[in-house]
N, C-alpha and C. Protein backbone atom coordinates (compact mmCIF):
# COMPACT_ATOMS: atom_id res chain seq x y z
N MET A 1 212.90 208.08 183.34
CA MET A 1 213.68 207.84 182.53
C MET A 1 214.52 206.75 183.79
N TRP A 2 215.17 205.82 182.85
CA TRP A 2 216.07 204.54 183.26
C TRP A 2 217.58 204.51 182.49
N ALA A 3 217.93 204.12 183.23
CA ALA A 3 219.75 204.13 182.60
C ALA A 3 220.18 202.36 183.05
N VAL A 4 221.12 202.10 182.58
CA VAL A 4 221.67 200.87 182.95
C VAL A 4 223.29 200.74 182.67
N GLY A 5 224.03 200.04 183.29
CA GLY A 5 225.54 199.83 182.87
C GLY A 5 226.24 198.85 183.83
N VAL A 6 227.74 199.41 183.96
CA VAL A 6 228.23 198.51 184.51
C VAL A 6 227.69 197.72 185.87
N ASP A 7 228.44 196.40 186.10
CA ASP A 7 227.99 195.66 187.37
C ASP A 7 226.33 195.72 187.43
N GLY A 8 225.36 195.41 186.34
CA GLY A 8 223.98 195.14 186.68
C GLY A 8 223.93 196.40 186.97
N SER A 9 224.22 197.29 187.07
CA SER A 9 223.36 198.53 187.69
C SER A 9 222.45 198.96 186.86
N ILE A 10 221.36 199.36 187.69
CA ILE A 10 220.24 199.95 187.04
C ILE A 10 219.53 201.16 187.66
N LEU A 11 219.54 202.53 187.12
CA LEU A 11 218.97 203.72 188.16
C LEU A 11 217.58 203.96 186.94
N HIS A 12 216.82 204.75 187.98
CA HIS A 12 215.63 205.46 187.68
C HIS A 12 215.46 206.85 188.35
N TYR A 13 215.11 207.68 187.25
CA TYR A 13 215.29 209.08 187.64
C TYR A 13 213.91 209.62 187.46
N ASN A 14 213.02 209.94 188.38
CA ASN A 14 211.65 210.12 188.55
C ASN A 14 211.27 211.78 188.11
N GLY A 15 212.00 212.57 187.78
CA GLY A 15 212.14 213.82 187.65
C GLY A 15 212.91 214.99 188.87
N PHE A 16 213.18 214.26 189.79
CA PHE A 16 213.76 215.30 190.92
C PHE A 16 214.83 214.46 191.29
N THR A 17 214.85 212.89 191.41
CA THR A 17 216.25 211.96 192.02
C THR A 17 216.32 210.97 191.43
N TRP A 18 217.43 210.22 191.23
CA TRP A 18 217.55 209.12 190.86
C TRP A 18 217.74 208.06 192.36
N SER A 19 217.37 206.72 191.32
CA SER A 19 217.07 205.57 192.73
C SER A 19 217.63 204.45 191.99
N SER A 20 218.35 203.56 192.81
CA SER A 20 218.98 202.45 192.43
C SER A 20 218.12 201.12 192.47
N PHE A 21 218.26 200.40 191.87
CA PHE A 21 217.39 199.02 191.43
C PHE A 21 218.83 197.84 191.48
N SER A 22 217.80 196.85 192.48
CA SER A 22 218.89 195.54 192.28
C SER A 22 218.42 195.09 191.11
N SER A 23 219.44 194.37 190.21
CA SER A 23 219.25 193.77 188.76
C SER A 23 219.25 192.43 189.13
N GLY A 24 220.05 191.77 190.43
CA GLY A 24 220.16 190.37 190.14
C GLY A 24 221.41 189.71 189.48
N THR A 25 222.41 190.50 188.49
CA THR A 25 223.29 190.17 187.82
C THR A 25 224.29 191.10 188.11
N THR A 26 225.68 190.79 188.20
CA THR A 26 226.61 191.49 188.33
C THR A 26 227.40 192.05 186.43
N ASP A 27 226.29 191.56 185.29
CA ASP A 27 226.96 191.35 184.64
C ASP A 27 226.86 193.09 183.80
N ILE A 28 227.49 193.19 182.54
CA ILE A 28 227.49 194.73 182.33
C ILE A 28 225.67 194.76 181.68
N LEU A 29 225.17 195.62 181.58
CA LEU A 29 223.40 195.98 180.88
C LEU A 29 223.85 197.17 179.77
N PHE A 30 223.28 197.10 178.47
CA PHE A 30 223.76 197.87 177.44
C PHE A 30 222.43 198.86 176.97
N GLY A 31 221.44 198.34 177.23
CA GLY A 31 220.14 198.61 176.88
C GLY A 31 218.97 198.34 177.88
N VAL A 32 218.30 199.76 177.76
CA VAL A 32 216.58 199.29 178.26
C VAL A 32 215.59 200.22 177.55
N TRP A 33 214.80 199.78 177.67
CA TRP A 33 213.53 200.64 177.14
C TRP A 33 211.92 200.13 178.00
N ALA A 34 211.38 200.87 177.78
CA ALA A 34 210.04 201.17 179.14
C ALA A 34 209.11 201.15 178.43
N SER A 35 207.59 200.77 178.50
CA SER A 35 206.40 201.14 178.23
C SER A 35 205.61 202.00 178.96
N SER A 36 205.91 201.50 180.29
CA SER A 36 205.48 201.95 181.41
C SER A 36 206.34 201.83 182.63
N GLY A 37 206.02 202.28 184.17
CA GLY A 37 206.84 201.98 185.34
C GLY A 37 207.09 200.96 185.48
N ALA A 38 205.73 200.12 185.42
CA ALA A 38 205.86 198.54 185.81
C ALA A 38 205.82 197.34 184.13
N ASP A 39 206.65 198.00 183.41
CA ASP A 39 207.07 197.27 182.30
C ASP A 39 208.31 197.83 181.64
N VAL A 40 209.44 197.20 182.45
CA VAL A 40 210.98 197.85 181.75
C VAL A 40 211.38 196.50 181.38
N TRP A 41 212.24 196.97 180.38
CA TRP A 41 213.06 195.63 179.58
C TRP A 41 214.61 196.26 179.82
N ALA A 42 215.51 195.48 180.01
CA ALA A 42 216.92 195.76 180.15
C ALA A 42 217.65 194.67 179.49
N VAL A 43 218.87 194.63 178.70
CA VAL A 43 219.48 193.78 178.03
C VAL A 43 220.94 193.78 178.36
N GLY A 44 221.65 192.54 178.50
CA GLY A 44 223.14 192.88 178.79
C GLY A 44 223.53 191.85 178.74
N GLY A 45 225.14 191.37 179.38
CA GLY A 45 225.52 190.36 179.77
C GLY A 45 225.79 189.75 178.38
N ALA A 46 226.47 188.20 178.45
CA ALA A 46 226.56 187.39 177.34
C ALA A 46 225.03 186.19 177.18
N ASN A 47 225.47 185.56 176.16
CA ASN A 47 224.25 184.90 175.90
C ASN A 47 222.57 184.95 175.60
N GLY A 48 222.47 186.39 175.35
CA GLY A 48 221.27 186.94 175.17
C GLY A 48 220.59 187.19 176.67
N MET A 49 221.00 187.82 177.41
CA MET A 49 220.39 188.24 178.58
C MET A 49 219.28 189.19 178.11
N ILE A 50 218.14 188.91 178.98
CA ILE A 50 217.14 190.04 178.92
C ILE A 50 216.47 189.57 180.32
N LEU A 51 216.06 191.31 180.85
CA LEU A 51 215.86 191.54 182.17
C LEU A 51 214.81 191.98 181.97
N HIS A 52 213.45 191.97 183.15
CA HIS A 52 212.09 192.43 182.92
C HIS A 52 211.42 193.09 184.24
N TYR A 53 211.49 194.32 184.06
CA TYR A 53 210.93 194.38 185.67
C TYR A 53 209.25 195.03 185.62
N ASN A 54 208.54 194.37 186.39
CA ASN A 54 207.16 194.39 186.28
C ASN A 54 206.75 195.60 187.60
N GLY A 55 207.20 196.10 187.86
CA GLY A 55 206.73 197.50 189.07
C GLY A 55 207.56 197.01 190.18
N SER A 56 207.72 196.19 190.25
CA SER A 56 208.17 195.78 191.84
C SER A 56 209.87 194.89 191.93
N SER A 57 210.16 194.11 191.13
CA SER A 57 211.24 193.39 191.11
C SER A 57 211.69 192.98 189.52
N TRP A 58 213.34 192.82 189.56
CA TRP A 58 213.56 192.98 188.19
C TRP A 58 214.10 191.05 188.15
N SER A 59 213.72 190.41 186.82
CA SER A 59 213.79 189.09 186.67
C SER A 59 214.08 188.85 185.70
N THR A 60 215.04 187.58 185.43
CA THR A 60 215.69 187.16 183.75
C THR A 60 214.54 186.51 183.15
N VAL A 61 214.84 187.09 182.17
CA VAL A 61 213.83 186.24 180.95
C VAL A 61 214.62 185.65 179.95
N PHE A 62 214.08 184.50 179.81
CA PHE A 62 214.53 183.50 178.61
C PHE A 62 214.42 184.47 177.28
N SER A 63 216.04 184.36 176.36
CA SER A 63 215.53 185.07 175.41
C SER A 63 215.66 184.37 174.18
N GLY A 64 215.58 183.13 174.23
CA GLY A 64 215.61 182.31 172.80
C GLY A 64 217.04 182.00 171.97
N THR A 65 218.10 182.78 172.91
CA THR A 65 219.20 182.90 171.70
C THR A 65 220.30 182.04 172.88
N THR A 66 221.12 181.32 172.17
CA THR A 66 222.30 180.95 172.56
C THR A 66 223.37 181.50 172.10
N SER A 67 223.43 182.68 171.28
CA SER A 67 224.46 183.59 170.81
C SER A 67 225.28 183.90 172.15
N PRO A 68 226.47 183.61 171.97
CA PRO A 68 227.66 184.34 173.15
C PRO A 68 227.85 185.58 172.88
N ASN A 69 227.57 186.07 172.09
CA ASN A 69 227.06 187.91 171.71
C ASN A 69 226.59 188.13 173.06
N PHE A 70 226.77 189.67 173.28
CA PHE A 70 226.17 190.59 174.21
C PHE A 70 224.56 190.71 173.16
N LEU A 71 223.77 191.02 173.90
CA LEU A 71 222.84 191.84 173.45
C LEU A 71 222.70 193.29 173.75
N THR A 72 222.75 194.67 172.90
CA THR A 72 223.19 195.80 173.16
C THR A 72 221.79 197.03 173.09
N GLY A 73 220.99 196.42 172.51
CA GLY A 73 219.85 197.16 172.28
C GLY A 73 218.57 196.54 172.79
N ILE A 74 217.28 197.34 173.34
CA ILE A 74 216.10 196.54 172.94
C ILE A 74 215.09 198.14 172.93
N TRP A 75 214.09 197.67 171.95
CA TRP A 75 212.73 198.43 171.81
C TRP A 75 211.85 197.84 171.45
N GLY A 76 210.65 198.52 171.79
CA GLY A 76 209.47 197.83 171.19
C GLY A 76 208.65 198.75 171.51
N SER A 77 207.30 198.45 170.55
CA SER A 77 205.94 199.19 170.76
C SER A 77 205.29 198.60 171.78
N SER A 78 205.57 197.15 172.50
CA SER A 78 204.67 196.71 173.65
C SER A 78 205.35 195.91 174.05
N SER A 79 204.66 195.46 174.88
CA SER A 79 205.41 193.79 176.01
C SER A 79 205.62 192.92 174.81
N SER A 80 204.86 192.80 173.80
CA SER A 80 204.79 191.63 172.98
C SER A 80 205.11 192.04 171.68
N ASP A 81 205.76 193.29 171.70
CA ASP A 81 206.27 193.43 170.20
C ASP A 81 208.16 194.02 170.50
N LEU A 82 208.63 193.35 171.14
CA LEU A 82 210.10 193.58 171.54
C LEU A 82 211.18 193.17 170.19
N TRP A 83 212.35 194.02 170.58
CA TRP A 83 213.08 193.75 169.36
C TRP A 83 214.52 194.07 170.33
N ALA A 84 215.23 193.00 169.93
CA ALA A 84 216.83 192.88 171.33
C ALA A 84 217.87 192.71 169.62
N VAL A 85 219.12 193.20 169.74
CA VAL A 85 219.99 193.51 169.04
C VAL A 85 221.31 193.30 169.59
N GLY A 86 222.07 192.21 168.52
CA GLY A 86 223.54 191.89 169.20
C GLY A 86 224.68 192.89 168.66
N ASP A 87 225.66 192.63 169.52
CA ASP A 87 226.90 193.52 169.10
C ASP A 87 227.74 193.50 168.15
N THR A 88 227.59 192.07 167.37
CA THR A 88 228.21 191.94 166.15
C THR A 88 227.06 191.99 164.77
N GLY A 89 225.98 192.21 165.22
CA GLY A 89 224.84 192.31 164.12
C GLY A 89 224.53 191.03 163.31
N ASP A 90 224.82 189.98 164.28
CA ASP A 90 223.97 188.76 163.71
C ASP A 90 223.11 188.17 164.42
N THR A 91 222.67 188.93 165.78
CA THR A 91 221.62 188.65 166.43
C THR A 91 220.55 189.63 166.23
N ILE A 92 219.26 189.22 166.03
CA ILE A 92 218.15 189.91 165.76
C ILE A 92 217.23 189.41 166.45
N LEU A 93 216.78 189.96 167.25
CA LEU A 93 215.29 188.99 168.00
C LEU A 93 214.09 190.02 168.25
N HIS A 94 212.90 189.01 167.74
CA HIS A 94 211.53 189.93 167.82
C HIS A 94 210.45 188.92 168.62
N GLY A 95 209.94 189.38 169.04
CA GLY A 95 208.86 189.08 169.66
C GLY A 95 208.24 189.28 170.88
N THR A 96 208.11 188.11 171.90
CA THR A 96 207.70 188.35 173.50
C THR A 96 208.82 187.45 174.20
N PRO A 97 209.71 188.10 175.05
CA PRO A 97 210.37 186.76 175.34
C PRO A 97 209.89 186.41 176.59
N ALA A 98 210.19 185.14 176.68
CA ALA A 98 209.41 184.06 177.64
C ALA A 98 209.58 184.15 178.89
N GLY A 99 208.64 184.04 179.87
CA GLY A 99 208.95 184.54 181.40
C GLY A 99 209.48 183.35 182.22
């Protein structure tokens, strides 16, 4: 299980204990979705911030939007079929974020 929050906090629960991960940002994170332990996506901050975890580290991924609004939710059926939504309802992204 994954959780995200203020100051770029990212936590992972393995069924026994919580572990903290460095996201590389101090922006608030609002949503997280994972297809596996080596394919985790998080959204938040302004200007369409998307983060990706590849099993060893988090990196920023270009979302393709210049909207100043926050991305607040992310879901997918696979890494190439992701949906991200914004906080004001005017931003909906679909596809594969550019790495």
